[in-house]
Every structure is written in structure tokens, then in C-alpha cells.
Protein backbone atom coordinates (compact mmCIF):
# COMPACT_ATOMS: atom_id res chain seq x y z
CA MET A 1 30.13 -17.51 -7.79
CA ALA A 2 27.73 -15.63 -5.53
CA GLU A 3 27.10 -11.98 -6.88
CA GLY A 4 27.75 -10.82 -2.93
CA ARG A 5 26.52 -11.32 0.41
CA VAL A 6 24.00 -8.81 2.07
CA LEU A 7 22.33 -9.03 5.48
CA GLN A 8 18.76 -7.69 5.25
CA LEU A 9 17.71 -6.02 8.91
CA LEU A 10 14.10 -5.20 9.80
CA GLY A 11 12.37 -4.05 13.01
CA PRO A 12 8.97 -4.97 14.45
CA SER A 13 6.62 -4.73 11.45
CA THR A 14 3.09 -6.38 10.06
CA GLY A 15 2.45 -4.74 7.46
CA GLY A 16 4.09 -3.53 3.47
CA ILE A 17 7.73 -3.19 4.95
CA ARG A 18 7.89 -7.30 5.75
CA GLN A 19 6.45 -7.92 2.53
CA VAL A 20 9.23 -5.79 0.52
CA VAL A 21 11.77 -7.58 2.48
CA ALA A 22 10.53 -10.30 1.73
CA ALA A 23 10.12 -9.34 -2.64
CA LEU A 24 13.30 -7.85 -2.25
CA THR A 25 15.12 -11.16 -0.66
CA SER A 26 13.60 -13.45 -2.96
CA GLU A 27 14.11 -11.36 -6.19
CA LEU A 28 17.88 -11.19 -4.91
CA GLU A 29 18.78 -14.74 -4.03
CA GLY A 30 17.02 -15.41 -7.86
CA ARG A 31 19.80 -13.41 -9.15
CA GLY A 32 22.64 -15.27 -7.17
CA TRP A 33 22.98 -12.89 -4.04
CA ASP A 34 23.58 -14.73 -0.77
CA VAL A 35 20.98 -12.77 1.26
CA VAL A 36 20.70 -13.01 5.20
CA THR A 37 17.60 -11.37 7.35
CA ALA A 38 17.68 -10.60 10.78
CA GLY A 39 14.94 -8.91 12.38
CA PRO A 40 12.51 -9.85 15.83
CA PRO A 41 11.48 -13.34 16.19
CA GLY A 42 8.64 -14.18 13.23
CA VAL A 43 8.70 -11.33 11.91
CA LEU A 44 8.98 -12.72 8.32
CA ALA A 45 7.25 -15.90 9.42
CA GLY A 46 5.44 -17.08 6.08
CA LEU A 47 6.83 -15.37 3.99
CA VAL A 48 11.29 -16.04 3.92
CA HIS A 49 13.29 -17.84 5.93
CA GLN A 50 14.40 -15.53 9.45
CA ASP A 51 18.09 -16.32 9.67
CA ALA A 52 18.61 -14.45 12.85
CA THR A 53 17.32 -12.13 15.25
CA LEU A 54 18.89 -8.20 15.78
CA ARG A 55 21.02 -9.66 18.55
CA ASP A 56 23.25 -11.50 16.09
CA MET A 57 23.00 -8.22 13.76
CA ARG A 58 26.83 -7.25 14.60
CA ARG A 59 27.77 -10.50 14.39
CA LEU A 60 26.39 -11.03 10.95
CA ALA A 61 27.76 -8.02 9.93
CA LYS A 62 31.26 -8.69 10.07
CA GLU A 63 30.77 -11.65 7.40
CA VAL A 64 28.37 -9.80 4.72
CA ASP A 65 29.22 -7.59 1.87
CA VAL A 66 26.18 -4.88 2.69
CA VAL A 67 24.24 -4.48 5.62
CA HIS A 68 20.30 -3.09 4.48
CA ALA A 69 18.59 -1.51 7.33
CA HIS A 70 14.31 -0.94 6.52
CA GLY A 71 13.49 2.12 8.64
CA LEU A 72 14.75 4.83 11.03
CA LYS A 73 14.70 2.48 14.16
CA VAL A 74 16.78 -1.04 13.06
CA ALA A 75 19.07 1.64 11.24
CA TRP A 76 19.60 3.22 14.72
CA ARG A 77 20.69 0.31 16.02
CA ALA A 78 23.27 -0.25 12.74
CA VAL A 79 25.08 2.73 13.96
CA GLY A 80 28.65 2.35 13.19
CA VAL A 81 27.89 -0.66 10.99
CA HIS A 82 29.27 -0.38 7.31
CA PRO A 83 28.61 -0.54 4.76
CA LEU A 84 24.63 0.12 5.34
CA VAL A 85 22.38 0.72 2.92
CA THR A 86 19.27 2.46 4.67
CA THR A 87 15.67 2.50 3.25
CA VAL A 88 13.37 5.20 4.86
CA HIS A 89 10.16 3.36 4.66
CA ASN A 90 8.24 6.03 6.98
CA VAL A 91 8.86 9.43 7.85
CA VAL A 92 8.75 10.70 11.80
CA LEU A 93 5.23 12.67 11.50
CA THR A 94 5.15 14.53 14.62
CA SER A 95 6.61 17.75 15.55
CA ASN A 96 9.23 16.50 18.37
CA PRO A 97 12.73 18.06 17.89
CA VAL A 98 14.40 14.98 18.87
CA LEU A 99 12.92 12.30 16.64
CA ARG A 100 13.36 14.90 14.12
CA PHE A 101 16.78 15.09 14.45
CA LEU A 102 16.99 11.83 14.62
CA GLU A 103 15.28 11.52 11.23
CA ARG A 104 17.67 13.95 9.43
CA ARG A 105 20.87 12.31 10.52
CA VAL A 106 19.37 8.55 10.59
CA PRO A 107 22.68 6.34 9.98
CA GLY A 108 23.43 5.27 6.46
CA ASP A 109 26.44 5.12 3.73
CA ARG A 110 23.55 5.14 1.48
CA LEU A 111 19.65 6.37 1.76
CA ILE A 112 17.44 5.00 -0.44
CA ALA A 113 13.64 6.61 -0.47
CA THR A 114 10.42 5.21 -1.32
CA SER A 115 8.97 7.78 -2.69
CA SER A 116 10.40 12.18 -3.53
CA GLU A 117 8.36 12.91 -0.95
CA VAL A 118 9.67 10.78 1.83
CA ALA A 119 13.42 12.36 0.15
CA ALA A 120 12.44 15.35 0.23
CA ARG A 121 12.97 15.15 4.10
CA PHE A 122 16.75 14.30 3.93
CA THR A 123 18.54 17.65 1.88
CA GLY A 124 21.74 17.80 1.57
CA ARG A 125 22.38 14.02 1.68
CA PRO A 126 22.30 11.65 -1.53
CA VAL A 127 19.06 9.39 -1.91
CA THR A 128 18.17 7.41 -4.25
CA VAL A 129 14.17 6.73 -5.08
CA ILE A 130 13.58 3.43 -5.56
CA PRO A 131 9.36 2.73 -4.99
CA PRO A 132 8.69 -0.40 -2.46
CA ALA A 133 7.22 -3.15 -4.27
CA ALA A 134 5.72 -6.74 -2.87
CA ALA A 135 5.15 -10.01 -4.23
CA PRO A 136 2.53 -9.62 -7.10
CA PRO A 137 -1.01 -10.36 -5.45
CA ARG A 138 -2.85 -13.50 -5.45
CA PRO A 139 -6.57 -12.62 -5.73
CA THR A 140 -8.75 -16.54 -4.45
CA ARG A 141 -11.76 -15.27 -5.61
CA THR A 142 -13.99 -14.30 -8.95
CA THR A 143 -14.98 -10.41 -10.00
CA SER A 144 -18.70 -12.12 -9.84
CA GLU A 145 -18.25 -14.00 -5.98
CA VAL A 146 -16.39 -10.45 -4.55
CA ARG A 147 -19.70 -8.68 -6.20
CA ALA A 148 -21.77 -11.01 -4.49
CA ALA A 149 -20.42 -11.18 -1.18
CA TYR A 150 -21.09 -7.72 -1.10
CA GLY A 151 -24.27 -7.04 -3.32
CA ILE A 152 -22.75 -5.44 -5.83
CA ALA A 153 -25.32 -4.94 -8.94
CA PRO A 154 -23.11 -5.84 -12.42
CA ASP A 155 -24.36 -2.76 -14.00
CA GLU A 156 -22.79 -0.75 -10.39
CA ARG A 157 -19.59 0.41 -11.29
CA LEU A 158 -17.18 -0.86 -8.15
CA LEU A 159 -14.60 1.49 -6.89
CA VAL A 160 -12.34 0.15 -3.56
CA THR A 161 -10.18 1.37 -1.14
CA VAL A 162 -7.76 -0.11 0.73
CA ALA A 163 -7.23 1.63 4.03
CA ARG A 164 -6.79 1.69 7.60
CA LEU A 165 -9.75 3.58 9.33
CA HIS A 166 -7.72 6.36 10.35
CA PRO A 167 -7.82 10.41 9.73
CA GLN A 168 -4.68 10.28 7.70
CA LYS A 169 -6.86 8.43 5.05
CA ASP A 170 -8.55 11.18 4.74
CA LEU A 171 -11.86 9.40 3.56
CA PRO A 172 -14.01 11.80 4.10
CA THR A 173 -13.15 13.22 1.12
CA LEU A 174 -13.60 10.37 -0.39
CA PHE A 175 -16.95 10.02 0.53
CA GLU A 176 -17.74 13.54 -0.61
CA ALA A 177 -16.64 12.23 -4.00
CA VAL A 178 -18.33 9.41 -4.34
CA ARG A 179 -21.38 11.54 -3.71
CA ARG A 180 -21.17 12.86 -7.44
CA LEU A 181 -20.98 9.49 -9.38
CA ASP A 182 -24.49 7.67 -10.39
CA HIS A 183 -24.90 4.08 -10.28
CA THR A 184 -21.50 3.64 -8.29
CA ARG A 185 -20.50 1.35 -5.04
CA LEU A 186 -17.45 2.40 -2.92
CA LEU A 187 -15.69 -0.82 -0.95
CA VAL A 188 -13.66 -0.08 2.10
CA VAL A 189 -11.76 -2.35 3.09
CA GLY A 190 -9.60 -2.21 6.61
CA GLU A 191 -10.47 -1.51 9.85
CA GLY A 192 -9.21 1.26 12.47
CA PRO A 193 -9.92 3.67 15.22
CA ASP A 194 -11.47 6.20 13.47
CA GLU A 195 -14.38 3.58 12.04
CA ALA A 196 -17.48 4.91 14.01
CA ARG A 197 -16.62 8.08 12.89
CA LEU A 198 -16.40 7.16 9.13
CA ARG A 199 -19.79 5.07 9.28
CA SER A 200 -21.23 8.11 10.54
CA LEU A 201 -20.39 10.06 7.81
CA ALA A 202 -20.25 7.53 4.90
CA PRO A 203 -23.23 7.82 1.99
CA ALA A 204 -25.53 4.70 1.39
CA ASN A 205 -23.25 3.58 -1.30
CA VAL A 206 -20.44 3.06 0.30
CA VAL A 207 -19.86 -0.79 1.49
CA PHE A 208 -17.41 -1.41 4.81
CA ALA A 209 -15.77 -4.77 4.48
CA GLY A 210 -13.73 -4.90 7.83
CA GLN A 211 -10.36 -6.18 7.59
CA ARG A 212 -9.77 -8.90 4.85
CA PRO A 213 -7.24 -11.62 5.32
CA ASN A 214 -6.25 -11.58 1.26
CA ALA A 215 -7.32 -7.83 0.25
CA ALA A 216 -6.46 -9.15 -3.29
CA ASP A 217 -9.71 -10.30 -4.06
CA GLU A 218 -11.48 -7.20 -3.31
CA LEU A 219 -8.58 -5.17 -5.85
CA ALA A 220 -8.59 -7.45 -8.70
CA ALA A 221 -12.69 -7.08 -8.71
CA ALA A 222 -12.14 -3.40 -8.64
CA ASP A 223 -13.11 -0.83 -11.65
CA VAL A 224 -10.91 1.95 -10.01
CA VAL A 225 -9.04 1.31 -7.01
CA VAL A 226 -8.64 4.86 -5.37
CA ILE A 227 -6.18 6.11 -2.32
CA SER A 228 -7.54 9.34 -0.88
CA SER A 229 -4.33 10.12 1.69
CA MET A 230 -2.97 13.25 2.83
CA TRP A 231 0.45 11.30 3.31
CA GLU A 232 1.83 8.15 2.14
CA SER A 233 5.34 6.69 2.00
CA GLY A 234 4.43 4.16 -0.49
CA PRO A 235 1.64 3.38 0.06
CA LEU A 236 2.14 -0.67 -1.07
CA VAL A 237 -1.35 -1.05 -2.30
CA LEU A 238 -0.68 1.36 -5.04
CA PHE A 239 1.86 -1.30 -6.12
CA GLU A 240 -0.38 -4.23 -6.08
CA ALA A 241 -3.35 -2.47 -7.87
CA LEU A 242 -1.11 -1.98 -10.64
CA GLN A 243 0.29 -5.21 -10.53
CA LEU A 244 -3.24 -6.52 -10.82
CA GLU A 245 -3.54 -4.10 -13.48
CA ARG A 246 -6.39 -2.48 -11.97
CA PRO A 247 -6.33 1.69 -12.48
CA VAL A 248 -6.02 3.57 -10.05
CA VAL A 249 -6.61 6.92 -8.96
CA SER A 250 -4.27 8.38 -6.44
CA THR A 251 -3.89 12.02 -4.35
CA ALA A 252 -0.67 13.87 -4.75
CA VAL A 253 1.51 11.84 -1.96
CA GLY A 254 3.90 8.80 -1.66
CA ALA A 255 5.72 7.03 -4.85
CA ALA A 256 1.93 8.05 -5.99
CA PRO A 257 3.30 11.11 -8.07
CA ASP A 258 6.31 8.95 -9.43
CA VAL A 259 4.89 6.34 -10.88
CA LEU A 260 1.10 7.64 -11.87
CA ASP A 261 0.86 9.73 -15.13
CA GLU A 262 -1.83 11.63 -13.02
CA VAL A 263 -2.33 12.49 -9.56
CA VAL A 264 -5.03 14.89 -7.75
CA PRO A 265 -4.72 17.51 -4.97
CA VAL A 266 -5.44 16.87 -1.30
CA GLY A 267 -8.36 16.99 -0.16
CA ASP A 268 -10.41 17.74 -3.01
CA ALA A 269 -13.69 15.62 -3.85
CA ASP A 270 -14.32 17.31 -7.64
CA ALA A 271 -10.86 16.97 -7.96
CA LEU A 272 -10.64 13.22 -7.24
CA ALA A 273 -14.49 12.76 -8.65
CA GLY A 274 -13.08 13.92 -11.91
CA ALA A 275 -10.64 11.46 -11.51
CA ILE A 276 -12.37 8.29 -10.98
CA THR A 277 -14.88 9.08 -13.86
CA ARG A 278 -12.36 9.28 -16.32
CA ALA A 279 -9.96 6.19 -14.97
CA PHE A 280 -13.80 4.13 -15.49
CA SER A 281 -12.91 4.67 -19.41
CA THR A 282 -9.44 3.49 -19.41
CA PRO A 283 -9.16 -0.42 -18.69
CA ARG A 284 -5.42 -0.27 -18.12
CA PRO A 285 -3.66 1.21 -15.77
CA ARG A 286 -1.70 4.57 -16.97
CA VAL A 287 1.89 4.64 -15.39
CA ALA A 288 4.96 6.88 -15.62
CA ARG A 289 7.57 4.95 -14.52
CA PRO A 290 8.28 1.11 -14.24
CA TYR A 291 7.35 -1.02 -10.65
CA GLY A 292 7.13 -3.97 -9.27
CA PRO A 293 9.67 -6.50 -7.65
CA GLU A 294 12.08 -6.59 -10.64
CA ALA A 295 12.12 -3.04 -11.44
CA MET A 296 12.82 -2.32 -7.50
CA THR A 297 15.27 -4.91 -7.42
CA ASN A 298 17.10 -3.93 -10.37
CA ALA A 299 17.75 -0.47 -8.40
CA VAL A 300 18.74 -1.91 -5.54
CA GLU A 301 21.25 -4.05 -6.98
CA ALA A 302 22.77 -0.92 -8.45
CA VAL A 303 23.09 0.68 -5.01
CA TYR A 304 25.12 -2.23 -3.68
CA ARG A 305 26.98 -2.80 -6.17
CA ASP A 306 27.70 0.81 -6.00
CA ILE A 307 28.97 0.37 -2.42
CA MET A 308 30.79 -2.22 -2.91
CA GLN A 309 33.13 -0.64 -5.07
């Protein structure tokens, strides 16, 4: 007999949310849940089978035990559906009062936040913090092949950051930290609107890799993975690096304070450089709590069972 039937809803997403939903769906099905997924056409292509579009949502909601909406917009499309679990993957970053009002009152009989930082936006409502996770990344090249592809010498220490080239990621502070480090190269994986400015600011020991089809290769080759963001809801790259057993240095954003033993203040190049230096001598990541698809699904299952009672 199935544990229960759950409808996973997601909106248009090409990034981390679809990977989280795919990992959760796979784990739940492996545990005996009957899972239906609905979203825009093709949003889960290549990850899991998509059963329906959002037009079918209300019909499907009548046929399941729990509806789980991933994101603020799709949660509002599910208003009036019960029982509804809403995971808040991102928050409203503008000061628009209407959007902030809608955020605070997002529908959901239970709320899940991807980090304590996200949960703090919902004062007065019970929120369960469950860090996101995706399927374990699978490198396709060896460390030696990755280093050779980017001209990284065997005696150089390799830092890797995977980030959209956008002011939110605060790469200039990371560049300042890297200037303080000898025999170190920083590999920046990603693209975005801030690329030209960042290239003009980068020191000589920074390599821009552009967008990669499988950043797991670069992450697995890193001596240390770095996240220098000013704000995050996850980020998913944190958990990918941990699953690859890479040491991670991160600013105190998103889920990093929830899972790492040490984080550094936003915008502090000296603290970032110091944490990177310490991480070079640490062969394994130092974590404060479990992470990954199994831990995520354990926590989500507990929410489902509570709401189904």
C-alpha cells in the first residue's frame, strides 16, 4: 500500500528548484509514495516524468492526499487548495509593498523554508526549515583533466565558485580575498549581466570558465569551493559541493549557517581569505547538520504525515 499520494507543483524554473523537485520525487517514489508532478510544459524534462500542466492542478488536487507547491507564484495559483504545503525557495528582494504583502500571506497549511534566513521573513507563522538538495552530482572528467583544461599548474591551489555573474554574488569581495592568497587560482563558473565589469576587476589569478553543462567537473576538482554571495536562499551549489566532499567556504547567507560549522561575514575580504586558508588544510567539509536528498526527504515526509493526520 502506498504511503500516500502527493501532487508536486512548480512554476517555470530552469534552475535549482526543478532539481530539488526531481530529487524529492525520486526519493518519495522509492519510499512508496505515489507522486504526481505538474508544471509548465517540459519544466522537468530529463529529470523526472511530468504528469500534467498547471491547468490540471485543481482536478489533480482532489485526487491526492497532499499538494506541495514549490515557490511563491505557484502557491498563489493553488490558493484554496487543501491540504497545501508550500516551500519558499526564494523571497521578494524588492521593496514593492504589494509583493511583500503577498509574500507574507503566501498560501499554505504548512510552510517550509530552505533556510533560517528565508524563514525569518514569515514571523508569526510556524515554518519548518529544510535545506534543499538535488541528486548527487556526477563528474565526467578527472581532476587532472579539469586542471589541464584551464591551465592550472599542479602546484597551484584551486578555488572554484559557481555563480551567476550578478552583483548579488559579490565576486569583487572574493577577488580581493584571492589577491591575498599565494599560489592560488580562482575558477569562476557561470555567466551573467555583470561579466564585463567583473573581468575588469579580476586579478590575474582569476580564470573565467563561462557557463558549463556540468559544473560537477569543476566542483569535484576544487581544493575549496567558495560562495561569496550577499544573499541566497540555498544555494544548491553548497549542497552539490558537500556531496562531492569538497571543503566549502561561504558567507553567512541562505542555508550555509544551518549546515556549515563556520561562515564568514558578507563583504569581508580578510575574513574570506582567512577561512579559505584554513579550508586548504581541511581535507573534508565540516558540517553542522545532515544534508542531501535523504535528509531533505526525511524532513518533508514528517511534514506530510503531520498534515495528513
